[in-house]
Amino acid sequence: MKVSVLGGGSFGTVLANIAASNGNKVDLWVRDSEQALRINSEGANSTYHPELKLSENIQASEILEDVVKDSSLILIATPSLIFENIVKRIVPFIKEGAHIVSCTKGIKSNPFRSMSEIISVNVNSSKNKVGVLSGPNLAKEIAEKKVSGTVIASFDNTLINDVKMVLASETFKVYSSNDVQGIELAGSLKNVYAIICGIADSLDVGENAVGLILTRSMAEMSRFAVARGANPITFLGLAGMGDLVATCSSNLSRNFQFGFNIGKGLSISESKDKVGQVAEGIRTLEVIREESEKLKIKMPLLDSLYSILYEEKPVDTIIDDLINNPHEVDVEFTY
């Protein structure tokens, strides 16, 4: 089938290459003609994965209409900041019956919406089904063909089966779920806690403390998700605990790197510049904090991170607040 991948960054590039390597015709949308020309002429995305030889089945283009037209499966892997704009731009070109899948881990504010909800309010749900792809998917490892897994979540089983057919490989395992809300919130929320773990690593808090932070992070994530209608059991799976552990313990994670830089005394802008790519957790932090206050959900770790980034509190506030927080109930998985 024809597959469209929107976003020529780290993750979009590896998704396009998997789909193309499985024999599908893949059109990859990138932001400018110069990048498209380089990818097509060099057979590689030198900006993000210079070491990865791309399949000949990939054609890059900066023209959205050409990329999306006649596509059966559209994978959107753009930064969350431009996600809605891209969705609105492609609506006139989406053919009836095409599946649209969000591969972006982010949340929009005013109003609070996930990426899949942004798709759903802009497309005709009777003609096009929507899904979410999320999991511990560090793009560099996928590019190196190290074993990885992901989850495709949708209410439509045909979409799930099509995504499995397009993306499953000997090194990339695709699982399924019907909890779209849970899978999507897990992927977005863990970016915030990856920043926290980066700060903790910079402070050399020790492995016991990391275990404490990870489990309290999971408690906060699931508490928020349940309030939004998700199933807490989802957070025990690949898109929840799997992604949290991978992202919160890896120097390949942009959010972890950002947190580590903050912990070493760099400013927000300096940390962003050093990471060099979008760290979605920064945007997600502000949106989730605002929503958690509306819903009256206690998220002490998230609040501590906010106070460090935006209220000039010292970085060890993370540990102090964790230890001194009066909440002492361990497991809270109730549904």
Protein backbone atom coordinates (compact mmCIF):
# COMPACT_ATOMS: atom_id res chain seq x y z
CA MET A 1 0.00 0.00 0.00
CA LYS A 2 1.02 3.64 -0.23
CA VAL A 3 2.11 4.96 3.16
CA SER A 4 2.62 8.62 4.04
CA VAL A 5 4.92 9.65 6.88
CA LEU A 6 4.65 13.30 7.87
CA GLY A 7 7.78 14.50 9.63
CA GLY A 8 11.37 13.93 8.57
CA GLY A 9 12.82 13.94 12.07
CA SER A 10 14.38 11.05 13.99
CA PHE A 11 11.24 8.97 14.55
CA GLY A 12 9.51 9.78 11.27
CA THR A 13 12.58 8.71 9.33
CA VAL A 14 12.89 5.30 10.98
CA LEU A 15 9.14 4.64 10.64
CA ALA A 16 9.34 5.48 6.94
CA ASN A 17 12.30 3.16 6.51
CA ILE A 18 10.61 0.22 8.24
CA ALA A 19 7.47 0.64 6.14
CA ALA A 20 9.50 0.97 2.94
CA SER A 21 11.71 -2.00 3.80
CA ASN A 22 8.52 -4.07 4.13
CA GLY A 23 7.77 -3.38 0.47
CA ASN A 24 5.40 -0.43 0.76
CA LYS A 25 5.67 2.75 -1.31
CA VAL A 26 6.45 5.47 1.23
CA ASP A 27 6.19 9.21 0.72
CA LEU A 28 8.01 11.18 3.44
CA TRP A 29 7.00 14.79 4.05
CA VAL A 30 9.79 17.15 5.14
CA ARG A 31 9.66 20.89 5.74
CA ASP A 32 11.75 22.19 2.85
CA SER A 33 12.82 21.28 -0.66
CA GLU A 34 16.52 21.25 0.23
CA GLN A 35 16.06 18.48 2.80
CA ALA A 36 13.88 16.52 0.38
CA LEU A 37 16.51 16.82 -2.34
CA ARG A 38 19.28 15.63 -0.02
CA ILE A 39 17.29 12.61 1.15
CA ASN A 40 16.35 11.61 -2.39
CA SER A 41 19.85 12.08 -3.80
CA GLU A 42 21.86 10.67 -0.87
CA GLY A 43 19.47 7.90 0.20
CA ALA A 44 19.90 9.04 3.79
CA ASN A 45 18.62 11.67 6.22
CA SER A 46 21.96 13.22 7.05
CA THR A 47 20.45 15.61 9.61
CA TYR A 48 19.11 12.89 11.92
CA HIS A 49 20.37 9.47 10.81
CA PRO A 50 23.42 9.86 8.57
CA GLU A 51 24.40 6.26 9.28
CA LEU A 52 21.07 4.80 8.10
CA LYS A 53 20.82 3.75 4.45
CA LEU A 54 17.22 4.40 3.47
CA SER A 55 15.12 2.06 1.36
CA GLU A 56 14.73 2.93 -2.32
CA ASN A 57 10.96 2.77 -1.74
CA ILE A 58 11.10 6.15 0.06
CA GLN A 59 10.44 9.39 -1.79
CA ALA A 60 10.80 12.63 0.17
CA SER A 61 8.87 15.78 -0.68
CA GLU A 62 7.99 19.15 0.87
CA ILE A 63 4.60 19.20 -0.91
CA LEU A 64 1.94 17.89 1.48
CA GLU A 65 -0.68 17.26 -1.19
CA ASP A 66 1.65 14.98 -3.18
CA VAL A 67 2.66 13.07 -0.05
CA VAL A 68 -0.85 12.47 1.29
CA LYS A 69 -2.81 11.99 -1.95
CA ASP A 70 -3.97 8.38 -2.53
CA SER A 71 -2.32 7.19 0.69
CA SER A 72 -3.93 4.30 2.59
CA LEU A 73 -2.04 4.93 5.83
CA ILE A 74 -0.89 8.31 7.13
CA LEU A 75 1.60 8.38 10.02
CA ILE A 76 2.01 11.83 11.58
CA ALA A 77 5.33 12.26 13.40
CA THR A 78 5.70 16.04 13.54
CA PRO A 79 6.42 18.07 16.70
CA SER A 80 3.25 18.74 18.70
CA LEU A 81 3.61 22.50 18.15
CA ILE A 82 2.77 22.19 14.43
CA PHE A 83 0.64 19.03 14.63
CA GLU A 84 -2.78 20.68 14.41
CA ASN A 85 -1.72 22.93 11.56
CA ILE A 86 -0.48 19.93 9.58
CA VAL A 87 -3.70 17.99 10.20
CA LYS A 88 -5.81 20.89 8.96
CA ARG A 89 -3.66 21.24 5.86
CA ILE A 90 -3.94 17.59 4.82
CA VAL A 91 -7.70 17.19 5.37
CA PRO A 92 -8.66 18.11 1.77
CA PHE A 93 -6.28 15.49 0.36
CA ILE A 94 -7.09 12.47 2.54
CA LYS A 95 -8.86 9.76 0.59
CA GLU A 96 -11.91 8.01 2.04
CA GLY A 97 -10.95 4.90 3.99
CA ALA A 98 -7.40 6.03 4.73
CA HIS A 99 -6.18 5.43 8.29
CA ILE A 100 -4.54 8.28 10.22
CA VAL A 101 -2.15 7.51 13.07
CA SER A 102 -0.57 9.94 15.52
CA CYS A 103 3.06 9.10 16.29
CA THR A 104 3.64 12.32 18.25
CA LYS A 105 3.87 12.28 22.04
CA GLY A 106 2.36 15.57 23.08
CA ILE A 107 -0.71 17.37 24.43
CA LYS A 108 -2.36 20.61 23.31
CA SER A 109 -3.86 23.18 25.67
CA ASN A 110 -6.81 25.58 25.37
CA PRO A 111 -8.68 23.32 25.05
CA PHE A 112 -6.91 20.26 26.44
CA ARG A 113 -6.59 17.78 23.57
CA SER A 114 -4.43 14.80 22.72
CA MET A 115 -2.99 14.49 19.22
CA SER A 116 -5.55 11.83 18.25
CA GLU A 117 -8.36 14.11 19.44
CA ILE A 118 -6.97 16.85 17.21
CA ILE A 119 -7.19 14.44 14.27
CA SER A 120 -10.71 13.33 15.21
CA VAL A 121 -12.16 16.85 15.38
CA ASN A 122 -10.76 17.71 11.96
CA VAL A 123 -11.48 14.59 9.87
CA ASN A 124 -14.67 12.71 9.10
CA SER A 125 -14.59 9.80 11.56
CA SER A 126 -17.09 7.83 9.48
CA LYS A 127 -14.67 7.87 6.54
CA ASN A 128 -11.27 7.78 8.23
CA LYS A 129 -10.27 5.86 11.35
CA VAL A 130 -7.75 7.20 13.85
CA GLY A 131 -5.02 5.48 15.85
CA VAL A 132 -2.06 6.18 18.14
CA LEU A 133 1.42 4.68 18.01
CA SER A 134 3.49 4.80 21.20
CA GLY A 135 6.10 2.87 23.12
CA PRO A 136 9.78 2.78 24.14
CA ASN A 137 10.89 3.87 20.67
CA LEU A 138 14.30 5.53 20.87
CA ALA A 139 14.84 6.26 17.19
CA LYS A 140 18.60 5.71 17.12
CA GLU A 141 18.23 2.14 18.39
CA ILE A 142 15.48 1.42 15.86
CA ALA A 143 17.73 2.75 13.11
CA GLU A 144 20.47 0.39 14.32
CA LYS A 145 17.96 -2.49 14.11
CA LYS A 146 18.12 -3.24 17.81
CA VAL A 147 15.03 -5.08 19.05
CA SER A 148 12.21 -2.67 19.90
CA GLY A 149 8.48 -2.80 20.52
CA THR A 150 5.60 -0.39 20.09
CA VAL A 151 1.83 -0.29 20.62
CA ILE A 152 -0.82 0.66 18.08
CA ALA A 153 -4.04 1.72 19.77
CA SER A 154 -7.34 2.22 17.99
CA PHE A 155 -11.03 1.38 18.25
CA ASP A 156 -10.78 -0.02 14.71
CA ASN A 157 -9.25 -3.47 14.30
CA THR A 158 -8.68 -3.01 10.57
CA LEU A 159 -6.44 -0.04 11.30
CA ILE A 160 -4.55 -2.05 13.92
CA ASN A 161 -3.99 -4.92 11.48
CA ASP A 162 -2.86 -2.57 8.70
CA VAL A 163 -0.31 -0.87 10.97
CA LYS A 164 1.02 -4.26 12.06
CA MET A 165 1.37 -5.33 8.45
CA VAL A 166 3.19 -2.13 7.49
CA LEU A 167 5.53 -1.75 10.48
CA ALA A 168 6.16 -5.17 12.04
CA SER A 169 9.61 -6.58 11.29
CA GLU A 170 12.16 -9.01 12.69
CA THR A 171 13.42 -6.30 15.06
CA PHE A 172 10.31 -4.14 15.51
CA LYS A 173 7.43 -5.85 17.35
CA VAL A 174 3.99 -4.22 17.17
CA TYR A 175 1.45 -4.87 19.95
CA SER A 176 -2.18 -3.73 19.99
CA SER A 177 -4.56 -1.96 22.38
CA ASN A 178 -8.03 -0.47 22.36
CA ASP A 179 -7.22 2.04 25.14
CA VAL A 180 -6.40 4.99 22.90
CA GLN A 181 -6.58 7.49 25.77
CA GLY A 182 -4.28 5.45 28.01
CA ILE A 183 -1.67 4.72 25.35
CA GLU A 184 -1.53 8.34 24.27
CA LEU A 185 -1.37 9.84 27.76
CA ALA A 186 1.33 7.35 28.77
CA GLY A 187 3.52 8.44 25.87
CA SER A 188 3.03 12.13 26.56
CA LEU A 189 3.33 12.08 30.35
CA LYS A 190 6.50 10.03 30.52
CA ASN A 191 8.40 12.84 28.76
CA VAL A 192 7.86 15.03 31.82
CA TYR A 193 9.22 12.37 34.14
CA ALA A 194 12.19 11.72 31.84
CA ILE A 195 13.20 15.34 32.51
CA ILE A 196 12.92 14.68 36.25
CA CYS A 197 15.07 11.54 35.95
CA GLY A 198 17.65 13.51 33.98
CA ILE A 199 17.87 16.01 36.84
CA ALA A 200 18.12 13.17 39.35
CA ASP A 201 20.94 11.57 37.35
CA SER A 202 22.85 14.85 37.29
CA LEU A 203 22.56 14.97 41.10
CA ASP A 204 23.89 11.38 41.39
CA VAL A 205 21.04 10.43 43.71
CA GLY A 206 21.70 6.69 43.47
CA GLU A 207 19.77 3.76 42.05
CA ASN A 208 17.45 3.37 45.05
CA ALA A 209 16.26 6.94 44.57
CA VAL A 210 15.78 6.35 40.84
CA GLY A 211 13.55 3.37 41.64
CA LEU A 212 11.57 5.59 44.01
CA ILE A 213 11.21 8.33 41.39
CA LEU A 214 10.13 5.89 38.67
CA THR A 215 7.39 4.30 40.78
CA ARG A 216 6.08 7.64 42.03
CA SER A 217 6.14 8.86 38.43
CA MET A 218 4.02 5.89 37.42
CA ALA A 219 1.58 6.64 40.24
CA GLU A 220 1.19 10.26 39.11
CA MET A 221 0.83 9.31 35.45
CA SER A 222 -1.87 6.72 36.07
CA ARG A 223 -3.70 8.98 38.55
CA PHE A 224 -3.98 11.67 35.91
CA ALA A 225 -4.90 9.23 33.14
CA VAL A 226 -7.71 7.63 35.13
CA ALA A 227 -9.18 11.08 35.73
CA ARG A 228 -9.19 11.48 31.95
CA GLY A 229 -10.94 8.14 31.38
CA ALA A 230 -8.01 5.79 30.72
CA ASN A 231 -7.50 2.30 32.11
CA PRO A 232 -4.67 2.28 34.71
CA ILE A 233 -3.68 -1.26 33.71
CA THR A 234 -2.48 0.17 30.39
CA PHE A 235 0.31 1.87 32.33
CA LEU A 236 1.76 -1.50 33.32
CA GLY A 237 2.41 -2.29 29.66
CA LEU A 238 4.84 -1.32 26.94
CA ALA A 239 3.56 2.21 26.35
CA GLY A 240 3.49 2.90 30.11
CA MET A 241 6.15 1.24 32.23
CA GLY A 242 8.14 0.11 29.19
CA ASP A 243 8.45 3.60 27.74
CA LEU A 244 8.96 5.21 31.16
CA VAL A 245 11.89 2.95 32.05
CA ALA A 246 13.54 3.26 28.63
CA THR A 247 13.20 7.02 28.40
CA CYS A 248 14.03 7.77 32.02
CA SER A 249 17.31 5.88 31.94
CA SER A 250 18.75 6.67 28.52
CA ASN A 251 21.08 9.38 27.26
CA LEU A 252 19.38 8.87 23.88
CA SER A 253 16.25 10.51 25.28
CA ARG A 254 16.05 14.22 24.46
CA ASN A 255 13.94 14.85 27.57
CA PHE A 256 16.42 13.02 29.80
CA GLN A 257 19.28 15.04 28.27
CA PHE A 258 17.35 18.26 28.82
CA GLY A 259 16.81 17.39 32.51
CA PHE A 260 20.46 16.45 32.96
CA ASN A 261 21.53 19.81 31.55
CA ILE A 262 19.12 21.62 33.88
CA GLY A 263 20.57 19.69 36.81
CA LYS A 264 24.06 20.83 35.82
CA GLY A 265 23.01 24.46 36.06
CA LEU A 266 22.15 25.33 32.46
CA SER A 267 19.16 27.56 31.75
CA ILE A 268 16.10 26.35 29.84
CA SER A 269 17.27 27.96 26.61
CA GLU A 270 20.84 26.67 27.04
CA SER A 271 19.55 23.16 27.73
CA LYS A 272 17.30 23.26 24.66
CA ASP A 273 20.18 24.41 22.48
CA LYS A 274 22.47 21.68 23.78
CA VAL A 275 19.88 18.96 23.11
CA GLY A 276 19.39 20.35 19.61
CA GLN A 277 16.00 18.71 19.00
CA VAL A 278 12.51 19.19 20.42
CA ALA A 279 12.06 17.96 24.00
CA GLU A 280 8.27 17.48 24.12
CA GLY A 281 8.23 17.16 27.92
CA ILE A 282 8.74 20.91 28.35
CA ARG A 283 5.50 21.71 26.53
CA THR A 284 3.65 18.81 28.12
CA LEU A 285 4.65 19.93 31.63
CA GLU A 286 2.80 23.22 31.35
CA VAL A 287 -0.32 21.68 29.82
CA ILE A 288 -0.57 18.82 32.35
CA ARG A 289 0.05 21.09 35.32
CA GLU A 290 -2.77 23.39 34.25
CA GLU A 291 -5.13 20.47 33.69
CA SER A 292 -4.17 18.69 36.95
CA GLU A 293 -5.02 21.84 38.89
CA LYS A 294 -8.43 22.00 37.20
CA LEU A 295 -9.07 18.33 38.01
CA LYS A 296 -7.58 18.70 41.54
CA ILE A 297 -5.15 15.83 40.96
CA LYS A 298 -2.08 15.67 43.19
CA MET A 299 1.14 15.42 41.14
CA PRO A 300 3.98 16.44 43.50
CA LEU A 301 6.86 15.44 41.22
CA LEU A 302 5.39 17.37 38.33
CA ASP A 303 4.82 20.39 40.58
CA SER A 304 8.43 20.23 41.75
CA LEU A 305 9.72 20.22 38.19
CA TYR A 306 7.54 23.21 37.34
CA SER A 307 8.90 25.15 40.33
CA ILE A 308 12.48 24.42 39.20
CA LEU A 309 11.96 25.46 35.59
CA TYR A 310 9.67 28.44 36.08
CA GLU A 311 9.98 29.61 39.70
CA GLU A 312 13.77 29.43 40.06
CA LYS A 313 13.73 26.78 42.79
CA PRO A 314 16.99 24.79 43.24
CA VAL A 315 17.23 21.47 41.37
CA ASP A 316 17.40 19.42 44.58
CA THR A 317 13.80 20.55 45.20
CA ILE A 318 12.85 17.36 43.35
CA ILE A 319 14.32 15.16 46.08
CA ASP A 320 13.28 17.34 49.00
CA ASP A 321 9.67 17.50 47.86
CA LEU A 322 9.60 13.76 47.21
CA ILE A 323 10.81 12.89 50.71
CA ASN A 324 8.75 15.51 52.53
CA ASN A 325 5.48 14.94 50.69
CA PRO A 326 2.90 13.67 53.23
CA HIS A 327 1.39 11.16 50.78
CA GLU A 328 2.64 7.68 51.75
CA VAL A 329 0.27 5.22 50.04
CA ASP A 330 2.23 2.97 47.68
CA VAL A 331 0.10 1.31 44.98
CA GLU A 332 -2.99 3.21 43.86
CA PHE A 333 -4.24 1.29 40.84
CA THR A 334 -7.98 1.62 41.25
CA TYR A 335 -10.49 1.79 38.44
